[in-house]
């Protein structure tokens, strides 16, 4: 387990060094796209999933309520 942790940390450090040494800006653009679009959309998807779950559970309760 310790070996996997050290390889994981080495990969993380290597990717951070690669991001720092990138002169063309390709990795920076990738990080900006993640920060501006992907992460907020993932957060919004979590909220929308919770809202839809509540809505459909309420709807199924009201439809099945007279027969309980």
N, C-alpha and C. Protein backbone atom coordinates (compact mmCIF):
# COMPACT_ATOMS: atom_id res chain seq x y z
N UNK A 1 0.82 -1.18 0.00
CA UNK A 1 0.00 0.00 0.00
C UNK A 1 0.87 1.25 0.00
N UNK A 2 1.99 1.18 0.70
CA UNK A 2 2.88 2.33 0.74
C UNK A 2 3.48 2.61 -0.63
N UNK A 3 3.74 1.54 -1.40
CA UNK A 3 4.29 1.72 -2.73
C UNK A 3 3.28 2.42 -3.64
N UNK A 4 2.03 2.07 -3.54
CA UNK A 4 1.02 2.72 -4.38
C UNK A 4 0.86 4.18 -4.00
N UNK A 5 0.99 4.48 -2.72
CA UNK A 5 0.88 5.86 -2.28
C UNK A 5 2.04 6.69 -2.79
N UNK A 6 3.24 6.11 -2.77
CA UNK A 6 4.39 6.87 -3.26
C UNK A 6 4.33 7.03 -4.78
N UNK A 7 3.88 6.02 -5.51
CA UNK A 7 3.76 6.18 -6.96
C UNK A 7 2.68 7.20 -7.29
N UNK A 8 1.62 7.21 -6.51
CA UNK A 8 0.56 8.20 -6.74
C UNK A 8 1.07 9.61 -6.48
N UNK A 9 1.83 9.77 -5.41
CA UNK A 9 2.36 11.10 -5.11
C UNK A 9 3.40 11.52 -6.14
N UNK A 10 4.20 10.58 -6.63
CA UNK A 10 5.17 10.90 -7.68
C UNK A 10 4.47 11.32 -8.96
N UNK A 11 3.39 10.65 -9.30
CA UNK A 11 2.63 11.03 -10.49
C UNK A 11 2.03 12.43 -10.33
N UNK A 12 1.54 12.73 -9.15
CA UNK A 12 0.97 14.04 -8.90
C UNK A 12 2.03 15.13 -9.01
N UNK A 13 3.17 14.89 -8.42
CA UNK A 13 4.26 15.87 -8.49
C UNK A 13 4.73 16.02 -9.94
N UNK A 14 4.85 14.92 -10.66
CA UNK A 14 5.29 14.99 -12.05
C UNK A 14 4.30 15.78 -12.91
N UNK A 15 3.01 15.59 -12.67
CA UNK A 15 2.02 16.34 -13.45
C UNK A 15 2.04 17.82 -13.10
N UNK A 16 2.27 18.15 -11.83
CA UNK A 16 2.37 19.55 -11.45
C UNK A 16 3.61 20.21 -12.04
N UNK A 17 4.72 19.47 -12.08
CA UNK A 17 5.93 20.01 -12.69
C UNK A 17 5.72 20.21 -14.19
N UNK A 18 5.05 19.26 -14.83
CA UNK A 18 4.75 19.38 -16.25
C UNK A 18 3.87 20.59 -16.53
N UNK A 19 2.89 20.84 -15.66
CA UNK A 19 2.03 22.00 -15.81
C UNK A 19 2.83 23.28 -15.64
N UNK A 20 3.78 23.28 -14.73
CA UNK A 20 4.59 24.47 -14.49
C UNK A 20 5.53 24.75 -15.67
N UNK A 21 6.06 23.71 -16.29
CA UNK A 21 7.01 23.88 -17.38
C UNK A 21 6.36 24.09 -18.74
N UNK A 22 5.06 23.95 -18.85
CA UNK A 22 4.37 24.08 -20.13
C UNK A 22 4.45 25.53 -20.61
N UNK A 23 5.09 25.74 -21.76
CA UNK A 23 5.26 27.09 -22.28
C UNK A 23 4.22 27.44 -23.34
N UNK A 24 3.59 26.45 -23.92
CA UNK A 24 2.60 26.74 -24.96
C UNK A 24 1.23 27.08 -24.37
N UNK A 25 0.98 26.68 -23.15
CA UNK A 25 -0.28 27.02 -22.49
C UNK A 25 -1.39 26.01 -22.68
N UNK A 26 -1.08 24.84 -23.24
CA UNK A 26 -2.11 23.83 -23.48
C UNK A 26 -2.71 23.30 -22.19
N UNK A 27 -1.86 23.03 -21.22
CA UNK A 27 -2.36 22.52 -19.94
C UNK A 27 -3.11 23.60 -19.17
N UNK A 28 -2.66 24.84 -19.32
CA UNK A 28 -3.35 25.94 -18.66
C UNK A 28 -4.75 26.11 -19.21
N UNK A 29 -4.91 26.00 -20.53
CA UNK A 29 -6.23 26.09 -21.13
C UNK A 29 -7.13 24.95 -20.64
N UNK A 30 -6.55 23.77 -20.53
CA UNK A 30 -7.31 22.62 -20.05
C UNK A 30 -7.80 22.86 -18.62
N UNK A 31 -6.94 23.39 -17.77
CA UNK A 31 -7.32 23.68 -16.39
C UNK A 31 -8.38 24.78 -16.32
N UNK A 32 -8.28 25.78 -17.19
CA UNK A 32 -9.28 26.84 -17.22
C UNK A 32 -10.65 26.30 -17.64
N UNK A 33 -10.66 25.43 -18.64
CA UNK A 33 -11.93 24.83 -19.07
C UNK A 33 -12.54 24.02 -17.94
N UNK A 34 -11.71 23.26 -17.23
CA UNK A 34 -12.22 22.49 -16.09
C UNK A 34 -12.77 23.41 -15.01
N UNK A 35 -12.04 24.47 -14.72
CA UNK A 35 -12.45 25.36 -13.64
C UNK A 35 -13.68 26.19 -13.96
N UNK A 36 -13.84 26.56 -15.22
CA UNK A 36 -14.94 27.45 -15.58
C UNK A 36 -16.20 26.67 -15.95
N UNK A 37 -16.06 25.54 -16.62
CA UNK A 37 -17.24 24.84 -17.12
C UNK A 37 -17.53 23.52 -16.41
N UNK A 38 -16.55 22.64 -16.33
CA UNK A 38 -16.81 21.28 -15.88
C UNK A 38 -17.17 21.20 -14.40
N UNK A 39 -16.42 21.85 -13.55
CA UNK A 39 -16.66 21.74 -12.11
C UNK A 39 -18.00 22.38 -11.71
N UNK A 40 -18.34 23.59 -12.20
CA UNK A 40 -19.67 24.12 -11.87
C UNK A 40 -20.82 23.29 -12.42
N UNK A 41 -20.63 22.69 -13.61
CA UNK A 41 -21.68 21.83 -14.15
C UNK A 41 -21.86 20.56 -13.32
N UNK A 42 -20.78 20.03 -12.79
CA UNK A 42 -20.90 18.85 -11.92
C UNK A 42 -21.63 19.20 -10.63
N UNK A 43 -21.36 20.38 -10.08
CA UNK A 43 -22.05 20.81 -8.87
C UNK A 43 -23.53 21.03 -9.16
N UNK A 44 -23.83 21.69 -10.28
CA UNK A 44 -25.24 21.92 -10.66
C UNK A 44 -25.96 20.60 -10.91
N UNK A 45 -25.28 19.63 -11.50
CA UNK A 45 -25.91 18.33 -11.75
C UNK A 45 -26.26 17.64 -10.43
N UNK A 46 -25.43 17.80 -9.42
CA UNK A 46 -25.75 17.22 -8.11
C UNK A 46 -26.98 17.85 -7.49
N UNK A 47 -27.08 19.18 -7.57
CA UNK A 47 -28.27 19.86 -7.06
C UNK A 47 -29.52 19.47 -7.84
N UNK A 48 -29.42 19.42 -9.17
CA UNK A 48 -30.58 19.06 -9.98
C UNK A 48 -31.01 17.62 -9.72
N UNK A 49 -30.07 16.73 -9.48
CA UNK A 49 -30.43 15.34 -9.16
C UNK A 49 -31.20 15.28 -7.85
N UNK A 50 -30.78 16.05 -6.87
CA UNK A 50 -31.48 16.06 -5.58
C UNK A 50 -32.89 16.65 -5.74
N UNK A 51 -33.02 17.69 -6.52
CA UNK A 51 -34.34 18.30 -6.75
C UNK A 51 -35.26 17.33 -7.47
N UNK A 52 -34.74 16.67 -8.52
CA UNK A 52 -35.58 15.72 -9.25
C UNK A 52 -35.94 14.50 -8.41
N UNK A 53 -35.05 14.06 -7.57
CA UNK A 53 -35.35 12.94 -6.68
C UNK A 53 -36.49 13.30 -5.73
N UNK A 54 -36.44 14.48 -5.14
CA UNK A 54 -37.52 14.92 -4.26
C UNK A 54 -38.83 15.07 -5.01
N UNK A 55 -38.76 15.63 -6.21
CA UNK A 55 -39.97 15.86 -6.99
C UNK A 55 -40.66 14.54 -7.33
N UNK A 56 -39.91 13.57 -7.85
CA UNK A 56 -40.51 12.31 -8.24
C UNK A 56 -40.94 11.46 -7.04
N UNK A 57 -40.26 11.57 -5.92
CA UNK A 57 -40.73 10.85 -4.74
C UNK A 57 -42.03 11.46 -4.22
N UNK A 58 -42.16 12.79 -4.28
CA UNK A 58 -43.40 13.44 -3.88
C UNK A 58 -44.53 13.06 -4.83
N UNK A 59 -44.23 13.04 -6.14
CA UNK A 59 -45.23 12.68 -7.13
C UNK A 59 -45.70 11.25 -6.94
N UNK A 60 -44.79 10.32 -6.71
CA UNK A 60 -45.20 8.92 -6.52
C UNK A 60 -45.97 8.75 -5.22
N UNK A 61 -45.67 9.54 -4.20
CA UNK A 61 -46.44 9.46 -2.96
C UNK A 61 -47.86 9.94 -3.16
N UNK A 62 -48.02 11.06 -3.89
CA UNK A 62 -49.37 11.59 -4.10
C UNK A 62 -50.19 10.71 -5.02
N UNK A 63 -49.59 10.05 -5.97
CA UNK A 63 -50.31 9.16 -6.86
C UNK A 63 -50.76 7.91 -6.11
N UNK A 64 -49.90 7.39 -5.27
CA UNK A 64 -50.22 6.16 -4.57
C UNK A 64 -50.90 6.36 -3.23
N UNK A 65 -51.09 7.60 -2.78
CA UNK A 65 -51.61 7.87 -1.45
C UNK A 65 -53.03 7.34 -1.20
N UNK A 66 -53.97 7.47 -2.12
CA UNK A 66 -55.32 6.96 -1.79
C UNK A 66 -55.37 5.45 -1.61
N UNK A 67 -54.42 4.74 -2.14
CA UNK A 67 -54.45 3.28 -2.06
C UNK A 67 -53.61 2.74 -0.92
N UNK A 68 -53.04 3.59 -0.08
CA UNK A 68 -52.21 3.09 1.03
C UNK A 68 -53.04 2.59 2.17
